[in-house]
PDB file of all heavy atoms in Angstrom:
ATOM      1  N   THR A   1       0.775  -1.232  -0.019  1.00  0.00           N
ATOM      2  CA  THR A   1      -0.053  -0.025   0.029  1.00  0.00           C
ATOM      3  C   THR A   1       0.807   1.344   0.005  1.00  0.00           C
ATOM      4  O   THR A   1       0.268   2.302  -0.322  1.00  0.00           O
ATOM      5  CB  THR A   1      -0.891   0.091   1.227  1.00  0.00           C
ATOM      6  OG1 THR A   1      -0.107  -0.114   2.446  1.00  0.00           O
ATOM      7  CG2 THR A   1      -1.902  -1.119   1.208  1.00  0.00           C
ATOM      8  N   THR A   2       2.105   1.200   0.295  1.00  0.00           N
ATOM      9  CA  THR A   2       2.966   2.465   0.321  1.00  0.00           C
ATOM     10  C   THR A   2       3.609   2.594  -0.998  1.00  0.00           C
ATOM     11  O   THR A   2       3.845   1.637  -1.713  1.00  0.00           O
ATOM     12  CB  THR A   2       3.979   2.395   1.477  1.00  0.00           C
ATOM     13  OG1 THR A   2       4.970   1.420   1.193  1.00  0.00           O
ATOM     14  CG2 THR A   2       3.348   2.121   2.824  1.00  0.00           C
ATOM     15  N   ALA A   3       3.850   3.847  -1.302  1.00  0.00           N
ATOM     16  CA  ALA A   3       4.583   4.137  -2.588  1.00  0.00           C
ATOM     17  C   ALA A   3       5.873   3.399  -2.753  1.00  0.00           C
ATOM     18  O   ALA A   3       6.179   2.871  -3.745  1.00  0.00           O
ATOM     19  CB  ALA A   3       4.671   5.647  -2.762  1.00  0.00           C
ATOM     20  N   ILE A   4       6.668   3.442  -1.609  1.00  0.00           N
ATOM     21  CA  ILE A   4       7.985   2.791  -1.716  1.00  0.00           C
ATOM     22  C   ILE A   4       7.874   1.324  -1.909  1.00  0.00           C
ATOM     23  O   ILE A   4       8.584   0.716  -2.697  1.00  0.00           O
ATOM     24  CB  ILE A   4       8.887   3.157  -0.604  1.00  0.00           C
ATOM     25  CG1 ILE A   4      10.251   2.636  -0.672  1.00  0.00           C
ATOM     26  CG2 ILE A   4       8.265   2.713   0.744  1.00  0.00           C
ATOM     27  CD1 ILE A   4      11.037   3.277  -1.816  1.00  0.00           C
ATOM     28  N   SER A   5       6.935   0.735  -1.226  1.00  0.00           N
ATOM     29  CA  SER A   5       6.846  -0.818  -1.300  1.00  0.00           C
ATOM     30  C   SER A   5       6.406  -1.163  -2.701  1.00  0.00           C
ATOM     31  O   SER A   5       6.807  -2.207  -3.338  1.00  0.00           O
ATOM     32  CB  SER A   5       5.853  -1.354  -0.238  1.00  0.00           C
ATOM     33  OG  SER A   5       4.584  -0.893  -0.479  1.00  0.00           O
ATOM     34  N   ARG A   6       5.465  -0.387  -3.295  1.00  0.00           N
ATOM     35  CA  ARG A   6       5.026  -0.701  -4.651  1.00  0.00           C
ATOM     36  C   ARG A   6       6.032  -0.489  -5.687  1.00  0.00           C
ATOM     37  O   ARG A   6       6.229  -1.182  -6.642  1.00  0.00           O
ATOM     38  CB  ARG A   6       3.733   0.155  -4.966  1.00  0.00           C
ATOM     39  CG  ARG A   6       2.588  -0.241  -4.003  1.00  0.00           C
ATOM     40  CD  ARG A   6       1.350   0.741  -4.280  1.00  0.00           C
ATOM     41  NE  ARG A   6       0.690   0.338  -5.484  1.00  0.00           N
ATOM     42  CZ  ARG A   6      -0.196  -0.579  -5.691  1.00  0.00           C
ATOM     43  NH1 ARG A   6      -0.431  -1.445  -4.656  1.00  0.00           N
ATOM     44  NH2 ARG A   6      -0.780  -0.835  -6.901  1.00  0.00           N
ATOM     45  N   ALA A   7       6.836   0.608  -5.495  1.00  0.00           N
ATOM     46  CA  ALA A   7       7.918   0.863  -6.450  1.00  0.00           C
ATOM     47  C   ALA A   7       9.050  -0.250  -6.321  1.00  0.00           C
ATOM     48  O   ALA A   7       9.587  -0.683  -7.289  1.00  0.00           O
ATOM     49  CB  ALA A   7       8.535   2.239  -6.073  1.00  0.00           C
ATOM     50  N   ASP A   8       9.312  -0.733  -5.049  1.00  0.00           N
ATOM     51  CA  ASP A   8      10.309  -1.815  -4.906  1.00  0.00           C
ATOM     52  C   ASP A   8       9.831  -3.082  -5.628  1.00  0.00           C
ATOM     53  O   ASP A   8      10.618  -3.664  -6.288  1.00  0.00           O
ATOM     54  CB  ASP A   8      10.449  -2.039  -3.383  1.00  0.00           C
ATOM     55  CG  ASP A   8      11.244  -0.999  -2.654  1.00  0.00           C
ATOM     56  OD1 ASP A   8      11.962  -0.129  -3.365  1.00  0.00           O
ATOM     57  OD2 ASP A   8      11.299  -0.981  -1.391  1.00  0.00           O
ATOM     58  N   TYR A   9       8.536  -3.359  -5.419  1.00  0.00           N
ATOM     59  CA  TYR A   9       8.037  -4.623  -6.098  1.00  0.00           C
ATOM     60  C   TYR A   9       8.121  -4.442  -7.579  1.00  0.00           C
ATOM     61  O   TYR A   9       8.573  -5.374  -8.276  1.00  0.00           O
ATOM     62  CB  TYR A   9       6.569  -4.784  -5.661  1.00  0.00           C
ATOM     63  CG  TYR A   9       6.042  -6.083  -6.305  1.00  0.00           C
ATOM     64  CD1 TYR A   9       6.092  -7.277  -5.618  1.00  0.00           C
ATOM     65  CD2 TYR A   9       5.450  -6.089  -7.562  1.00  0.00           C
ATOM     66  CE1 TYR A   9       5.604  -8.490  -6.131  1.00  0.00           C
ATOM     67  CE2 TYR A   9       4.920  -7.230  -8.060  1.00  0.00           C
ATOM     68  CZ  TYR A   9       5.028  -8.455  -7.421  1.00  0.00           C
ATOM     69  OH  TYR A   9       4.547  -9.562  -7.982  1.00  0.00           O
ATOM     70  N   LEU A  10       7.750  -3.329  -8.143  1.00  0.00           N
ATOM     71  CA  LEU A  10       7.749  -3.122  -9.582  1.00  0.00           C
ATOM     72  C   LEU A  10       9.112  -3.159 -10.114  1.00  0.00           C
ATOM     73  O   LEU A  10       9.390  -3.725 -11.162  1.00  0.00           O
ATOM     74  CB  LEU A  10       7.067  -1.876  -9.892  1.00  0.00           C
ATOM     75  CG  LEU A  10       6.871  -1.467 -11.369  1.00  0.00           C
ATOM     76  CD1 LEU A  10       6.096  -2.543 -12.057  1.00  0.00           C
ATOM     77  CD2 LEU A  10       6.213  -0.152 -11.546  1.00  0.00           C
ATOM     78  N   ALA A  11      10.149  -2.541  -9.359  1.00  0.00           N
ATOM     79  CA  ALA A  11      11.485  -2.580  -9.760  1.00  0.00           C
ATOM     80  C   ALA A  11      12.053  -3.933  -9.885  1.00  0.00           C
ATOM     81  O   ALA A  11      12.730  -4.411 -10.798  1.00  0.00           O
ATOM     82  CB  ALA A  11      12.322  -1.701  -8.893  1.00  0.00           C
ATOM     83  N   GLU A  12      11.836  -4.728  -8.761  1.00  0.00           N
ATOM     84  CA  GLU A  12      12.388  -6.113  -8.697  1.00  0.00           C
ATOM     85  C   GLU A  12      11.800  -7.102  -9.703  1.00  0.00           C
ATOM     86  O   GLU A  12      12.402  -8.006 -10.192  1.00  0.00           O
ATOM     87  CB  GLU A  12      12.194  -6.640  -7.252  1.00  0.00           C
ATOM     88  CG  GLU A  12      13.118  -6.071  -6.273  1.00  0.00           C
ATOM     89  CD  GLU A  12      13.180  -6.799  -4.978  1.00  0.00           C
ATOM     90  OE1 GLU A  12      12.380  -6.512  -4.121  1.00  0.00           O
ATOM     91  OE2 GLU A  12      13.998  -7.760  -4.855  1.00  0.00           O
ATOM     92  N   HIS A  13      10.515  -6.877 -10.017  1.00  0.00           N
ATOM     93  CA  HIS A  13       9.750  -7.829 -10.867  1.00  0.00           C
ATOM     94  C   HIS A  13       9.523  -7.290 -12.200  1.00  0.00           C
ATOM     95  O   HIS A  13       8.717  -7.856 -12.994  1.00  0.00           O
ATOM     96  CB  HIS A  13       8.400  -8.214 -10.169  1.00  0.00           C
ATOM     97  CG  HIS A  13       8.665  -8.996  -8.920  1.00  0.00           C
ATOM     98  ND1 HIS A  13       8.812 -10.377  -8.855  1.00  0.00           N
ATOM     99  CD2 HIS A  13       8.712  -8.547  -7.540  1.00  0.00           C
ATOM    100  CE1 HIS A  13       8.949 -10.664  -7.586  1.00  0.00           C
ATOM    101  NE2 HIS A  13       8.898  -9.656  -6.802  1.00  0.00           N
ATOM    102  N   TYR A  14      10.060  -6.110 -12.513  1.00  0.00           N
ATOM    103  CA  TYR A  14       9.734  -5.412 -13.824  1.00  0.00           C
ATOM    104  C   TYR A  14       9.935  -6.271 -15.023  1.00  0.00           C
ATOM    105  O   TYR A  14       9.087  -6.307 -15.932  1.00  0.00           O
ATOM    106  CB  TYR A  14      10.655  -4.172 -13.906  1.00  0.00           C
ATOM    107  CG  TYR A  14      10.345  -3.316 -15.123  1.00  0.00           C
ATOM    108  CD1 TYR A  14       9.386  -2.227 -14.943  1.00  0.00           C
ATOM    109  CD2 TYR A  14      10.912  -3.470 -16.340  1.00  0.00           C
ATOM    110  CE1 TYR A  14       9.056  -1.391 -16.026  1.00  0.00           C
ATOM    111  CE2 TYR A  14      10.586  -2.663 -17.401  1.00  0.00           C
ATOM    112  CZ  TYR A  14       9.673  -1.636 -17.216  1.00  0.00           C
ATOM    113  OH  TYR A  14       9.355  -0.800 -18.296  1.00  0.00           O
ATOM    114  N   TRP A  15      11.001  -7.118 -14.991  1.00  0.00           N
ATOM    115  CA  TRP A  15      11.274  -7.973 -16.263  1.00  0.00           C
ATOM    116  C   TRP A  15      10.684  -9.374 -16.183  1.00  0.00           C
ATOM    117  O   TRP A  15      11.084 -10.151 -17.002  1.00  0.00           O
ATOM    118  CB  TRP A  15      12.772  -7.991 -16.429  1.00  0.00           C
ATOM    119  CG  TRP A  15      13.387  -6.567 -16.591  1.00  0.00           C
ATOM    120  CD1 TRP A  15      14.030  -5.861 -15.674  1.00  0.00           C
ATOM    121  CD2 TRP A  15      13.253  -5.821 -17.781  1.00  0.00           C
ATOM    122  NE1 TRP A  15      14.398  -4.642 -16.193  1.00  0.00           N
ATOM    123  CE2 TRP A  15      13.954  -4.593 -17.506  1.00  0.00           C
ATOM    124  CE3 TRP A  15      12.770  -5.989 -19.089  1.00  0.00           C
ATOM    125  CZ2 TRP A  15      14.081  -3.572 -18.457  1.00  0.00           C
ATOM    126  CZ3 TRP A  15      12.951  -5.054 -19.985  1.00  0.00           C
ATOM    127  CH2 TRP A  15      13.534  -3.815 -19.694  1.00  0.00           C
ATOM    128  N   ASP A  16       9.770  -9.610 -15.192  1.00  0.00           N
ATOM    129  CA  ASP A  16       9.249 -11.019 -15.075  1.00  0.00           C
ATOM    130  C   ASP A  16       8.503 -11.397 -16.325  1.00  0.00           C
ATOM    131  O   ASP A  16       8.597 -12.591 -16.726  1.00  0.00           O
ATOM    132  CB  ASP A  16       8.301 -11.095 -13.925  1.00  0.00           C
ATOM    133  CG  ASP A  16       9.050 -11.101 -12.533  1.00  0.00           C
ATOM    134  OD1 ASP A  16      10.280 -11.016 -12.561  1.00  0.00           O
ATOM    135  OD2 ASP A  16       8.404 -11.094 -11.474  1.00  0.00           O
ATOM    136  N   GLY A  17       7.900 -10.517 -16.987  1.00  0.00           N
ATOM    137  CA  GLY A  17       7.077 -10.857 -18.163  1.00  0.00           C
ATOM    138  C   GLY A  17       7.817 -10.647 -19.535  1.00  0.00           C
ATOM    139  O   GLY A  17       7.131 -10.743 -20.565  1.00  0.00           O
ATOM    140  N   PHE A  18       9.088 -10.385 -19.449  1.00  0.00           N
ATOM    141  CA  PHE A  18       9.871 -10.173 -20.668  1.00  0.00           C
ATOM    142  C   PHE A  18      10.483 -11.484 -21.131  1.00  0.00           C
ATOM    143  O   PHE A  18      11.201 -12.152 -20.342  1.00  0.00           O
ATOM    144  CB  PHE A  18      10.956  -9.081 -20.436  1.00  0.00           C
ATOM    145  CG  PHE A  18      11.698  -8.677 -21.647  1.00  0.00           C
ATOM    146  CD1 PHE A  18      11.171  -7.689 -22.455  1.00  0.00           C
ATOM    147  CD2 PHE A  18      12.860  -9.248 -22.074  1.00  0.00           C
ATOM    148  CE1 PHE A  18      11.821  -7.219 -23.576  1.00  0.00           C
ATOM    149  CE2 PHE A  18      13.614  -8.818 -23.183  1.00  0.00           C
ATOM    150  CZ  PHE A  18      13.030  -7.854 -23.919  1.00  0.00           C
ATOM    151  N   ASP A  19      10.314 -11.823 -22.395  1.00  0.00           N
ATOM    152  CA  ASP A  19      10.878 -13.065 -22.909  1.00  0.00           C
ATOM    153  C   ASP A  19      12.267 -12.752 -23.481  1.00  0.00           C
ATOM    154  O   ASP A  19      12.457 -12.370 -24.592  1.00  0.00           O
ATOM    155  CB  ASP A  19       9.914 -13.592 -23.983  1.00  0.00           C
ATOM    156  CG  ASP A  19      10.404 -14.984 -24.489  1.00  0.00           C
ATOM    157  OD1 ASP A  19      11.434 -15.503 -23.992  1.00  0.00           O
ATOM    158  OD2 ASP A  19       9.790 -15.476 -25.413  1.00  0.00           O
ATOM    159  N   PHE A  20      13.294 -13.026 -22.654  1.00  0.00           N
ATOM    160  CA  PHE A  20      14.658 -12.724 -23.035  1.00  0.00           C
ATOM    161  C   PHE A  20      15.133 -13.683 -24.169  1.00  0.00           C
ATOM    162  O   PHE A  20      16.181 -13.460 -24.823  1.00  0.00           O
ATOM    163  CB  PHE A  20      15.571 -12.839 -21.836  1.00  0.00           C
ATOM    164  CG  PHE A  20      15.434 -11.714 -20.886  1.00  0.00           C
ATOM    165  CD1 PHE A  20      14.778 -11.886 -19.727  1.00  0.00           C
ATOM    166  CD2 PHE A  20      15.993 -10.531 -21.145  1.00  0.00           C
ATOM    167  CE1 PHE A  20      14.577 -10.843 -18.771  1.00  0.00           C
ATOM    168  CE2 PHE A  20      15.879  -9.417 -20.198  1.00  0.00           C
ATOM    169  CZ  PHE A  20      15.145  -9.593 -19.018  1.00  0.00           C
ATOM    170  N   SER A  21      14.371 -14.784 -24.336  1.00  0.00           N
ATOM    171  CA  SER A  21      14.858 -15.699 -25.449  1.00  0.00           C
ATOM    172  C   SER A  21      14.285 -15.257 -26.813  1.00  0.00           C
ATOM    173  O   SER A  21      14.762 -15.827 -27.836  1.00  0.00           O
ATOM    174  CB  SER A  21      14.288 -17.124 -25.139  1.00  0.00           C
ATOM    175  OG  SER A  21      12.853 -17.101 -25.181  1.00  0.00           O
ATOM    176  N   ASP A  22      13.419 -14.241 -26.811  1.00  0.00           N
ATOM    177  CA  ASP A  22      12.752 -13.789 -28.081  1.00  0.00           C
ATOM    178  C   ASP A  22      13.647 -12.713 -28.654  1.00  0.00           C
ATOM    179  O   ASP A  22      13.538 -11.545 -28.341  1.00  0.00           O
ATOM    180  CB  ASP A  22      11.380 -13.287 -27.786  1.00  0.00           C
ATOM    181  CG  ASP A  22      10.664 -12.882 -29.108  1.00  0.00           C
ATOM    182  OD1 ASP A  22      11.282 -12.998 -30.169  1.00  0.00           O
ATOM    183  OD2 ASP A  22       9.560 -12.538 -29.011  1.00  0.00           O
ATOM    184  N   THR A  23      14.545 -13.101 -29.595  1.00  0.00           N
ATOM    185  CA  THR A  23      15.518 -12.117 -30.155  1.00  0.00           C
ATOM    186  C   THR A  23      14.777 -11.090 -31.102  1.00  0.00           C
ATOM    187  O   THR A  23      15.375 -10.091 -31.409  1.00  0.00           O
ATOM    188  CB  THR A  23      16.626 -12.830 -30.904  1.00  0.00           C
ATOM    189  OG1 THR A  23      16.078 -13.715 -31.938  1.00  0.00           O
ATOM    190  CG2 THR A  23      17.429 -13.624 -30.000  1.00  0.00           C
ATOM    191  N   SER A  24      13.556 -11.354 -31.476  1.00  0.00           N
ATOM    192  CA  SER A  24      12.819 -10.374 -32.308  1.00  0.00           C
ATOM    193  C   SER A  24      12.619  -9.080 -31.521  1.00  0.00           C
ATOM    194  O   SER A  24      12.470  -8.056 -32.109  1.00  0.00           O
ATOM    195  CB  SER A  24      11.447 -10.973 -32.796  1.00  0.00           C
ATOM    196  OG  SER A  24      10.552 -11.131 -31.689  1.00  0.00           O
ATOM    197  N   LEU A  25      12.624  -9.217 -30.201  1.00  0.00           N
ATOM    198  CA  LEU A  25      12.402  -7.962 -29.349  1.00  0.00           C
ATOM    199  C   LEU A  25      13.640  -7.008 -29.477  1.00  0.00           C
ATOM    200  O   LEU A  25      13.520  -5.868 -29.223  1.00  0.00           O
ATOM    201  CB  LEU A  25      12.285  -8.336 -27.903  1.00  0.00           C
ATOM    202  CG  LEU A  25      10.929  -9.051 -27.618  1.00  0.00           C
ATOM    203  CD1 LEU A  25      10.981  -9.714 -26.211  1.00  0.00           C
ATOM    204  CD2 LEU A  25       9.794  -8.027 -27.613  1.00  0.00           C
ATOM    205  N   LEU A  26      14.746  -7.557 -29.967  1.00  0.00           N
ATOM    206  CA  LEU A  26      15.946  -6.630 -30.153  1.00  0.00           C
ATOM    207  C   LEU A  26      15.692  -5.691 -31.372  1.00  0.00           C
ATOM    208  O   LEU A  26      16.338  -4.634 -31.472  1.00  0.00           O
ATOM    209  CB  LEU A  26      17.156  -7.458 -30.499  1.00  0.00           C
ATOM    210  CG  LEU A  26      17.613  -8.390 -29.397  1.00  0.00           C
ATOM    211  CD1 LEU A  26      18.768  -9.242 -29.817  1.00  0.00           C
ATOM    212  CD2 LEU A  26      17.999  -7.650 -28.135  1.00  0.00           C
ATOM    213  N   HIS A  27      14.735  -6.007 -32.196  1.00  0.00           N
ATOM    214  CA  HIS A  27      14.442  -5.238 -33.400  1.00  0.00           C
ATOM    215  C   HIS A  27      13.176  -4.484 -33.193  1.00  0.00           C
ATOM    216  O   HIS A  27      12.543  -4.066 -34.204  1.00  0.00           O
ATOM    217  CB  HIS A  27      14.380  -6.099 -34.656  1.00  0.00           C
ATOM    218  CG  HIS A  27      15.568  -6.978 -34.760  1.00  0.00           C
ATOM    219  ND1 HIS A  27      16.886  -6.437 -35.060  1.00  0.00           N
ATOM    220  CD2 HIS A  27      15.827  -8.322 -34.547  1.00  0.00           C
ATOM    221  CE1 HIS A  27      17.740  -7.469 -35.094  1.00  0.00           C
ATOM    222  NE2 HIS A  27      17.085  -8.582 -34.785  1.00  0.00           N
ATOM    223  N   CYS A  28      12.671  -4.370 -31.982  1.00  0.00           N
ATOM    224  CA  CYS A  28      11.401  -3.722 -31.717  1.00  0.00           C
ATOM    225  C   CYS A  28      11.622  -2.671 -30.531  1.00  0.00           C
ATOM    226  O   CYS A  28      11.199  -2.925 -29.480  1.00  0.00           O
ATOM    227  CB  CYS A  28      10.301  -4.763 -31.352  1.00  0.00           C
ATOM    228  SG  CYS A  28       8.664  -4.192 -31.372  1.00  0.00           S
ATOM    229  N   PRO A  29      12.259  -1.533 -30.947  1.00  0.00           N
ATOM    230  CA  PRO A  29      12.494  -0.624 -29.900  1.00  0.00           C
ATOM    231  C   PRO A  29      11.253   0.036 -29.238  1.00  0.00           C
ATOM    232  O   PRO A  29      11.374   0.426 -28.067  1.00  0.00           O
ATOM    233  CB  PRO A  29      13.256   0.541 -30.660  1.00  0.00           C
ATOM    234  CG  PRO A  29      12.891   0.400 -32.052  1.00  0.00           C
ATOM    235  CD  PRO A  29      12.728  -1.096 -32.235  1.00  0.00           C
ATOM    236  N   GLU A  30      10.142  -0.048 -29.849  1.00  0.00           N
ATOM    237  CA  GLU A  30       8.892   0.444 -29.234  1.00  0.00           C
ATOM    238  C   GLU A  30       8.534  -0.371 -28.121  1.00  0.00           C
ATOM    239  O   GLU A  30       7.762   0.058 -27.235  1.00  0.00           O
ATOM    240  CB  GLU A  30       7.813   0.527 -30.293  1.00  0.00           C
ATOM    241  CG  GLU A  30       7.942   1.447 -31.488  1.00  0.00           C
ATOM    242  CD  GLU A  30       8.770   0.806 -32.587  1.00  0.00           C
ATOM    243  OE1 GLU A  30       9.256  -0.310 -32.411  1.00  0.00           O
ATOM    244  OE2 GLU A  30       8.772   1.386 -33.689  1.00  0.00           O
ATOM    245  N   VAL A  31       8.994  -1.608 -28.108  1.00  0.00           N
ATOM    246  CA  VAL A  31       8.784  -2.559 -26.929  1.00  0.00           C
ATOM    247  C   VAL A  31       9.914  -2.438 -26.017  1.00  0.00           C
ATOM    248  O   VAL A  31       9.863  -2.055 -24.868  1.00  0.00           O
ATOM    249  CB  VAL A  31       8.530  -3.960 -27.366  1.00  0.00           C
ATOM    250  CG1 VAL A  31       8.344  -4.914 -26.233  1.00  0.00           C
ATOM    251  CG2 VAL A  31       7.217  -4.051 -28.278  1.00  0.00           C
ATOM    252  N   THR A  32      11.111  -2.883 -26.475  1.00  0.00           N
ATOM    253  CA  THR A  32      12.230  -3.125 -25.573  1.00  0.00           C
ATOM    254  C   THR A  32      12.913  -1.893 -25.161  1.00  0.00           C
ATOM    255  O   THR A  32      13.202  -1.746 -23.933  1.00  0.00           O
ATOM    256  CB  THR A  32      13.296  -4.066 -26.366  1.00  0.00           C
ATOM    257  OG1 THR A  32      12.601  -5.148 -26.907  1.00  0.00           O
ATOM    258  CG2 THR A  32      14.408  -4.522 -25.343  1.00  0.00           C
ATOM    259  N   GLU A  33      13.278  -1.040 -25.996  1.00  0.00           N
ATOM    260  CA  GLU A  33      13.883   0.239 -25.639  1.00  0.00           C
ATOM    261  C   GLU A  33      13.036   1.133 -24.715  1.00  0.00           C
ATOM    262  O   GLU A  33      13.469   1.670 -23.739  1.00  0.00           O
ATOM    263  CB  GLU A  33      14.399   0.970 -26.842  1.00  0.00           C
ATOM    264  CG  GLU A  33      15.377   2.098 -26.473  1.00  0.00           C
ATOM    265  CD  GLU A  33      16.106   2.674 -27.742  1.00  0.00           C
ATOM    266  OE1 GLU A  33      16.089   1.985 -28.739  1.00  0.00           O
ATOM    267  OE2 GLU A  33      16.718   3.694 -27.571  1.00  0.00           O
ATOM    268  N   GLN A  34      11.736   1.209 -25.151  1.00  0.00           N
ATOM    269  CA  GLN A  34      10.788   1.987 -24.351  1.00  0.00           C
ATOM    270  C   GLN A  34      10.638   1.329 -22.948  1.00  0.00           C
ATOM    271  O   GLN A  34      10.538   2.097 -21.955  1.00  0.00           O
ATOM    272  CB  GLN A  34       9.470   2.040 -25.052  1.00  0.00           C
ATOM    273  CG  GLN A  34       8.489   2.985 -24.268  1.00  0.00           C
ATOM    274  CD  GLN A  34       8.886   4.371 -24.171  1.00  0.00           C
ATOM    275  OE1 GLN A  34       9.242   5.051 -25.158  1.00  0.00           O
ATOM    276  NE2 GLN A  34       8.910   4.923 -22.955  1.00  0.00           N
TER     277      GLN A  34
END
């Protein structure tokens, strides 16, 4: 419920849904770079 706890969670888990095995993402800056 606190801003810092929510920011901490988001920072630590930010990349949980990113498929690092998908090299097509390297050519999609609207997704990966953004």
